[in-house]
Amino acid sequence: MRQKRAKAYKKQMLVYSHAFKFREPYQILIDNEIILDTCQTSFDLIKGLKKTLNAEKIKPMITQCCIQALYEAADQTVIDKAKSFERRRCNHSIKAPESPKDCILSVVNVDNKNKHRYVVCSQNVELRRKLRKIPGVPIIHMNRSVMVMEPLSDASNRFNVQQEEKKLTSGLNDSKNAGLNFQSDHNNIDDKENILKRKRNGRKGPNPLSVKKKQKKAISNDITTENKDKVIETIPKESESSTNENTTDEPVKKKRKRKHHKKRNNIADTEAKSINTVLSNSTTLDDENGVSPNVTENDKKEKS
């Protein structure tokens, strides 16, 4: 098959698939005449159908009336080939069968529509002429030794254009897009969006990284240099604990601090000084009297 013709067939099948909902495997109704022609020219019918329809899966079908017409030809190879296809019920009696063209037409035409989406492969000219009046019927026939698919019929083109126009104007005729109904629906959508925004913008917990650290009070001047070093070492630990406390939204308890009183220290120093002066005075008096400070009162009695 030439590339130009294959492209045209592919486009036609796309139209049939979009407008008339054709799907693989395609159901192909075959008449008795095309089976006779392909057998005489030794043409591979199934392979040719797959190429023309650009499909991997097909379902070739034949009616009982077409097989009865092949029995009259009395060619056993043709009959065996026809029996290999799937049998399509036509509801015609075997004793008084219909002609193949009338049988296929009655199967395809249901209320002037191709209801079951059949592809018709026939050599009968009258049958093809009648099928062109029904929208959505792909027609295939043999032209000498070449399989040909007919272009879209006028009925199929008309139906396709109507479907496209409906798609364009369907949005304008909807109740949602007209009058008060559209406004009410639009307002409902806005209300829902506002509720969602409020929920999103509500109060959130504190960010632990942005929480302000607890500031320490100024250290008193009475602390010595040694104590200052100890206090400086303990400050980062306390700051770490304060950050941990802030992250867990619990109330922070104040720590008690020991206060250094000046007066108490001064009193203790004065008392110690007074005791030392008393002791020093007592030792000087004992030295003057010739009594050692270590001699007890019992020793004095024994001496006397």
Protein backbone atom coordinates (compact mmCIF):
# COMPACT_ATOMS: atom_id res chain seq x y z
CA MET A 1 0.00 0.00 0.00
CA ARG A 2 1.28 3.43 -0.89
CA GLN A 3 2.06 5.92 1.85
CA LYS A 4 -0.37 8.60 0.64
CA ARG A 5 -3.30 6.18 0.54
CA ALA A 6 -2.40 4.70 3.94
CA LYS A 7 -2.41 8.22 5.47
CA ALA A 8 -5.86 8.94 4.05
CA TYR A 9 -7.24 5.67 5.44
CA LYS A 10 -5.75 6.41 8.85
CA LYS A 11 -7.46 9.85 8.94
CA GLN A 12 -10.79 8.31 7.94
CA MET A 13 -10.60 5.73 10.74
CA LEU A 14 -9.82 8.51 13.22
CA VAL A 15 -13.05 10.27 12.16
CA TYR A 16 -15.00 7.03 12.56
CA SER A 17 -13.48 6.44 16.00
CA HIS A 18 -14.18 10.00 17.28
CA ALA A 19 -17.58 10.68 15.69
CA PHE A 20 -19.07 7.15 15.59
CA LYS A 21 -17.15 5.45 18.47
CA PHE A 22 -15.49 2.68 16.44
CA ARG A 23 -13.06 0.54 18.49
CA GLU A 24 -10.79 -2.42 17.92
CA PRO A 25 -11.38 -5.24 17.16
CA TYR A 26 -13.36 -3.95 14.17
CA GLN A 27 -16.37 -6.10 13.13
CA ILE A 28 -16.18 -6.64 9.36
CA LEU A 29 -19.14 -8.05 7.43
CA ILE A 30 -17.89 -9.90 4.31
CA ASP A 31 -20.14 -10.88 1.41
CA ASN A 32 -19.86 -13.90 -0.91
CA GLU A 33 -18.62 -11.98 -3.99
CA ILE A 34 -15.43 -10.60 -2.40
CA ILE A 35 -14.52 -14.05 -1.05
CA LEU A 36 -14.80 -15.48 -4.58
CA ASP A 37 -12.66 -12.65 -6.05
CA THR A 38 -9.89 -12.96 -3.44
CA CYS A 39 -9.73 -16.74 -3.85
CA GLN A 40 -9.44 -16.43 -7.65
CA THR A 41 -6.62 -13.84 -7.39
CA SER A 42 -5.04 -15.64 -4.35
CA PHE A 43 -5.23 -12.42 -2.33
CA ASP A 44 -4.81 -12.66 1.48
CA LEU A 45 -8.10 -11.14 2.62
CA ILE A 46 -7.35 -10.90 6.37
CA LYS A 47 -3.93 -9.32 5.84
CA GLY A 48 -5.36 -6.77 3.39
CA LEU A 49 -8.15 -5.79 5.80
CA LYS A 50 -5.66 -5.21 8.62
CA LYS A 51 -3.56 -2.93 6.40
CA THR A 52 -6.45 -0.86 5.08
CA LEU A 53 -8.02 -0.37 8.52
CA ASN A 54 -4.59 0.17 10.14
CA ALA A 55 -5.54 -2.27 12.92
CA GLU A 56 -3.93 -5.28 14.54
CA LYS A 57 -7.19 -6.85 15.76
CA ILE A 58 -10.14 -7.46 13.46
CA LYS A 59 -13.19 -9.74 13.61
CA PRO A 60 -14.24 -10.99 10.12
CA MET A 61 -17.93 -12.05 10.04
CA ILE A 62 -20.29 -13.61 7.50
CA THR A 63 -24.06 -14.19 7.46
CA GLN A 64 -25.83 -17.49 6.83
CA CYS A 65 -27.44 -16.13 3.65
CA CYS A 66 -23.97 -15.38 2.15
CA ILE A 67 -22.81 -18.94 2.91
CA GLN A 68 -25.94 -20.33 1.23
CA ALA A 69 -24.99 -18.30 -1.87
CA LEU A 70 -21.49 -19.85 -1.77
CA TYR A 71 -22.99 -23.37 -1.63
CA GLU A 72 -24.53 -22.67 -5.04
CA ALA A 73 -21.05 -21.87 -6.45
CA ALA A 74 -19.96 -25.41 -5.42
CA ASP A 75 -16.33 -24.42 -4.70
CA GLN A 76 -15.17 -26.28 -1.60
CA THR A 77 -12.06 -24.10 -0.95
CA VAL A 78 -14.22 -20.96 -0.94
CA ILE A 79 -16.76 -22.61 1.38
CA ASP A 80 -14.02 -23.70 3.82
CA LYS A 81 -12.60 -20.19 3.88
CA ALA A 82 -16.05 -18.69 4.56
CA LYS A 83 -16.65 -21.17 7.40
CA SER A 84 -13.43 -20.02 9.11
CA PHE A 85 -15.06 -16.61 9.73
CA GLU A 86 -17.38 -15.86 12.63
CA ARG A 87 -21.07 -16.49 11.92
CA ARG A 88 -23.39 -13.46 12.25
CA ARG A 89 -27.04 -14.17 12.91
CA CYS A 90 -29.36 -12.53 10.41
CA ASN A 91 -32.63 -14.21 11.59
CA HIS A 92 -33.46 -15.38 8.06
CA SER A 93 -34.62 -18.93 7.41
CA ILE A 94 -32.15 -21.40 5.88
CA LYS A 95 -34.79 -22.92 3.61
CA ALA A 96 -35.75 -19.54 2.12
CA PRO A 97 -32.61 -17.33 2.45
CA GLU A 98 -32.48 -13.68 1.44
CA SER A 99 -30.12 -12.32 -1.19
CA PRO A 100 -26.66 -11.40 0.25
CA LYS A 101 -27.13 -7.65 -0.38
CA ASP A 102 -30.55 -7.53 1.34
CA CYS A 103 -29.27 -9.67 4.21
CA ILE A 104 -26.25 -7.42 4.91
CA LEU A 105 -28.35 -4.25 4.54
CA SER A 106 -30.90 -5.50 7.09
CA VAL A 107 -28.12 -6.34 9.57
CA VAL A 108 -26.34 -2.98 9.22
CA ASN A 109 -29.29 -0.59 8.94
CA VAL A 110 -31.03 -0.31 12.34
CA ASP A 111 -33.26 2.81 12.45
CA ASN A 112 -31.13 4.39 9.70
CA LYS A 113 -28.00 4.01 11.87
CA ASN A 114 -25.03 1.69 11.97
CA LYS A 115 -25.92 0.69 15.53
CA HIS A 116 -23.44 -2.21 15.90
CA ARG A 117 -20.57 -0.36 14.12
CA TYR A 118 -19.94 -2.75 11.25
CA VAL A 119 -17.33 -2.31 8.52
CA VAL A 120 -18.75 -3.69 5.25
CA CYS A 121 -16.48 -5.42 2.74
CA SER A 122 -18.47 -6.04 -0.45
CA GLN A 123 -18.20 -6.12 -4.23
CA ASN A 124 -21.91 -5.46 -4.82
CA VAL A 125 -22.39 -1.98 -6.34
CA GLU A 126 -26.05 -1.62 -5.36
CA LEU A 127 -25.32 -2.56 -1.76
CA ARG A 128 -22.55 0.01 -1.54
CA ARG A 129 -24.78 2.72 -3.00
CA LYS A 130 -27.46 2.07 -0.36
CA LEU A 131 -24.92 1.92 2.49
CA ARG A 132 -23.59 5.39 1.59
CA LYS A 133 -26.92 6.87 2.71
CA ILE A 134 -26.40 5.51 6.24
CA PRO A 135 -24.01 7.65 8.36
CA GLY A 136 -20.96 5.95 9.85
CA VAL A 137 -20.47 2.90 7.59
CA PRO A 138 -16.89 2.29 6.33
CA ILE A 139 -17.06 0.52 2.94
CA ILE A 140 -14.23 -1.60 1.49
CA HIS A 141 -14.06 -3.25 -1.95
CA MET A 142 -11.50 -4.70 -4.37
CA ASN A 143 -10.34 -2.65 -7.37
CA ARG A 144 -8.65 -5.27 -9.56
CA SER A 145 -6.01 -6.64 -7.17
CA VAL A 146 -5.95 -3.65 -4.78
CA MET A 147 -8.12 -3.30 -1.67
CA VAL A 148 -9.68 0.17 -1.44
CA MET A 149 -11.63 1.94 1.28
CA GLU A 150 -14.15 4.50 0.07
CA PRO A 151 -13.90 8.10 1.36
CA LEU A 152 -16.41 9.44 3.88
CA SER A 153 -19.92 9.60 2.44
CA ASP A 154 -22.02 12.79 2.46
CA ALA A 155 -24.19 11.42 5.28
CA SER A 156 -21.13 10.65 7.41
CA ASN A 157 -19.60 14.08 6.75
CA ARG A 158 -22.86 15.81 7.65
CA PHE A 159 -23.15 13.91 10.91
CA ASN A 160 -19.51 14.67 11.81
CA VAL A 161 -20.01 18.44 11.24
CA GLN A 162 -23.15 18.44 13.41
CA GLN A 163 -21.29 16.71 16.22
CA GLU A 164 -18.46 19.27 16.09
CA GLU A 165 -20.90 22.21 16.17
CA LYS A 166 -22.67 20.72 19.19
CA LYS A 167 -19.36 20.52 21.02
CA LEU A 168 -18.65 24.20 20.30
CA THR A 169 -22.06 25.51 21.43
CA SER A 170 -22.80 23.04 24.25
CA GLY A 171 -21.03 25.18 26.88
CA LEU A 172 -23.12 28.29 26.07
CA ASN A 173 -26.47 26.51 26.43
CA ASP A 174 -25.79 24.97 29.84
CA SER A 175 -27.88 26.18 32.80
CA LYS A 176 -24.68 26.73 34.78
CA ASN A 177 -23.52 29.40 32.35
CA ALA A 178 -26.84 31.31 32.08
CA GLY A 179 -28.71 33.72 34.40
CA LEU A 180 -29.12 33.39 38.15
CA ASN A 181 -28.15 29.75 38.39
CA PHE A 182 -24.67 30.60 37.20
CA GLN A 183 -24.39 33.45 39.72
CA SER A 184 -25.58 31.30 42.64
CA ASP A 185 -23.17 28.52 41.74
CA HIS A 186 -20.38 31.08 41.39
CA ASN A 187 -21.17 32.53 44.83
CA ASN A 188 -21.19 29.08 46.40
CA ILE A 189 -17.77 28.39 44.93
CA ASP A 190 -16.45 31.70 46.31
CA ASP A 191 -17.84 30.90 49.79
CA LYS A 192 -16.13 27.52 49.78
CA GLU A 193 -12.83 29.11 48.75
CA ASN A 194 -13.12 31.73 51.54
CA ILE A 195 -13.76 29.03 54.16
CA LEU A 196 -10.71 27.14 53.01
CA LYS A 197 -8.60 30.32 53.16
CA ARG A 198 -9.76 31.03 56.72
CA LYS A 199 -8.84 27.56 57.82
CA ARG A 200 -5.42 27.84 56.23
CA ASN A 201 -4.73 31.33 57.65
CA GLY A 202 -5.81 30.47 61.23
CA ARG A 203 -3.67 30.68 64.34
CA LYS A 204 -0.67 28.38 64.40
CA GLY A 205 1.81 27.32 67.07
CA PRO A 206 5.04 29.24 67.67
CA ASN A 207 8.01 28.48 65.51
CA PRO A 208 10.69 27.11 67.85
CA LEU A 209 13.46 28.71 65.79
CA SER A 210 11.92 32.19 66.05
CA VAL A 211 11.16 32.13 69.81
CA LYS A 212 13.08 34.79 71.71
CA LYS A 213 15.57 33.40 74.21
CA LYS A 214 15.18 34.20 77.88
CA GLN A 215 17.44 37.11 78.91
CA LYS A 216 19.49 36.85 82.11
CA LYS A 217 19.62 39.61 84.73
CA ALA A 218 22.85 41.55 85.38
CA ILE A 219 25.23 39.70 87.74
CA SER A 220 25.94 41.43 91.10
CA ASN A 221 29.30 43.07 91.66
CA ASP A 222 30.05 40.99 94.81
CA ILE A 223 30.75 37.81 92.83
CA THR A 224 34.46 37.03 92.62
CA THR A 225 36.38 36.22 89.47
CA GLU A 226 36.29 32.48 90.21
CA ASN A 227 32.51 32.51 90.69
CA LYS A 228 32.08 34.52 87.47
CA ASP A 229 33.73 31.74 85.44
CA LYS A 230 31.37 29.18 86.97
CA VAL A 231 28.33 31.32 86.25
CA ILE A 232 29.41 31.85 82.63
CA GLU A 233 29.73 28.06 82.18
CA THR A 234 26.23 27.45 83.52
CA ILE A 235 24.52 30.13 81.36
CA PRO A 236 24.46 28.20 78.01
CA LYS A 237 22.94 25.17 79.72
CA GLU A 238 20.20 27.30 81.18
CA SER A 239 19.58 28.94 77.79
CA GLU A 240 19.27 25.50 76.14
CA SER A 241 16.75 24.41 78.74
CA SER A 242 14.79 27.64 78.24
CA THR A 243 14.59 27.04 74.46
CA ASN A 244 13.33 23.51 75.07
CA GLU A 245 10.75 24.85 77.49
CA ASN A 246 9.59 27.45 74.96
CA THR A 247 9.12 24.83 72.24
CA THR A 248 6.67 22.90 74.44
CA ASP A 249 4.05 25.63 74.94
CA GLU A 250 4.12 25.22 78.80
CA PRO A 251 4.35 28.15 81.27
CA VAL A 252 7.98 28.86 82.23
CA LYS A 253 8.75 28.65 85.97
CA LYS A 254 11.10 31.24 87.41
CA LYS A 255 14.23 29.90 89.08
CA ARG A 256 15.20 31.09 92.52
CA LYS A 257 18.53 32.82 92.75
CA ARG A 258 20.70 33.02 95.80
CA LYS A 259 21.34 36.58 96.90
CA HIS A 260 24.63 37.60 98.53
CA HIS A 261 24.07 39.99 101.47
CA LYS A 262 26.82 42.52 102.20
CA LYS A 263 25.81 43.17 105.76
CA ARG A 264 25.93 39.58 106.93
CA ASN A 265 29.41 39.13 105.51
CA ASN A 266 30.59 42.34 107.20
CA ILE A 267 29.13 41.26 110.59
CA ALA A 268 30.83 37.88 110.36
CA ASP A 269 34.13 39.58 109.55
CA THR A 270 33.84 41.97 112.53
CA GLU A 271 32.97 39.13 114.92
CA ALA A 272 35.94 37.11 113.72
CA LYS A 273 38.20 40.14 114.17
CA SER A 274 36.92 40.77 117.73
CA ILE A 275 37.49 37.13 118.72
CA ASN A 276 41.01 37.27 117.35
CA THR A 277 41.77 40.47 119.29
CA VAL A 278 40.44 38.96 122.55
CA LEU A 279 42.56 35.87 122.11
CA SER A 280 45.63 37.89 121.30
CA ASN A 281 45.11 40.07 124.41
CA SER A 282 44.71 37.01 126.66
CA THR A 283 47.93 35.49 125.36
CA THR A 284 49.88 38.69 126.06
CA LEU A 285 48.60 38.82 129.69
CA ASP A 286 49.54 35.21 130.32
CA ASP A 287 53.01 35.84 129.00
CA GLU A 288 53.43 38.78 131.34
CA ASN A 289 52.26 36.73 134.39
CA GLY A 290 54.49 33.80 133.37
CA VAL A 291 51.62 31.42 132.68
CA SER A 292 51.63 29.49 129.52
CA PRO A 293 48.36 29.54 127.62
CA ASN A 294 48.26 25.75 127.52
CA VAL A 295 48.33 25.28 131.33
CA THR A 296 44.92 24.39 132.77
CA GLU A 297 43.42 25.39 136.15
CA ASN A 298 43.96 21.88 137.63
CA ASP A 299 47.71 22.17 136.95
CA LYS A 300 47.74 25.49 138.84
CA LYS A 301 46.09 23.87 141.90
CA GLU A 302 48.58 20.98 141.95
CA LYS A 303 51.48 23.45 141.87
CA SER A 304 50.09 25.48 144.72
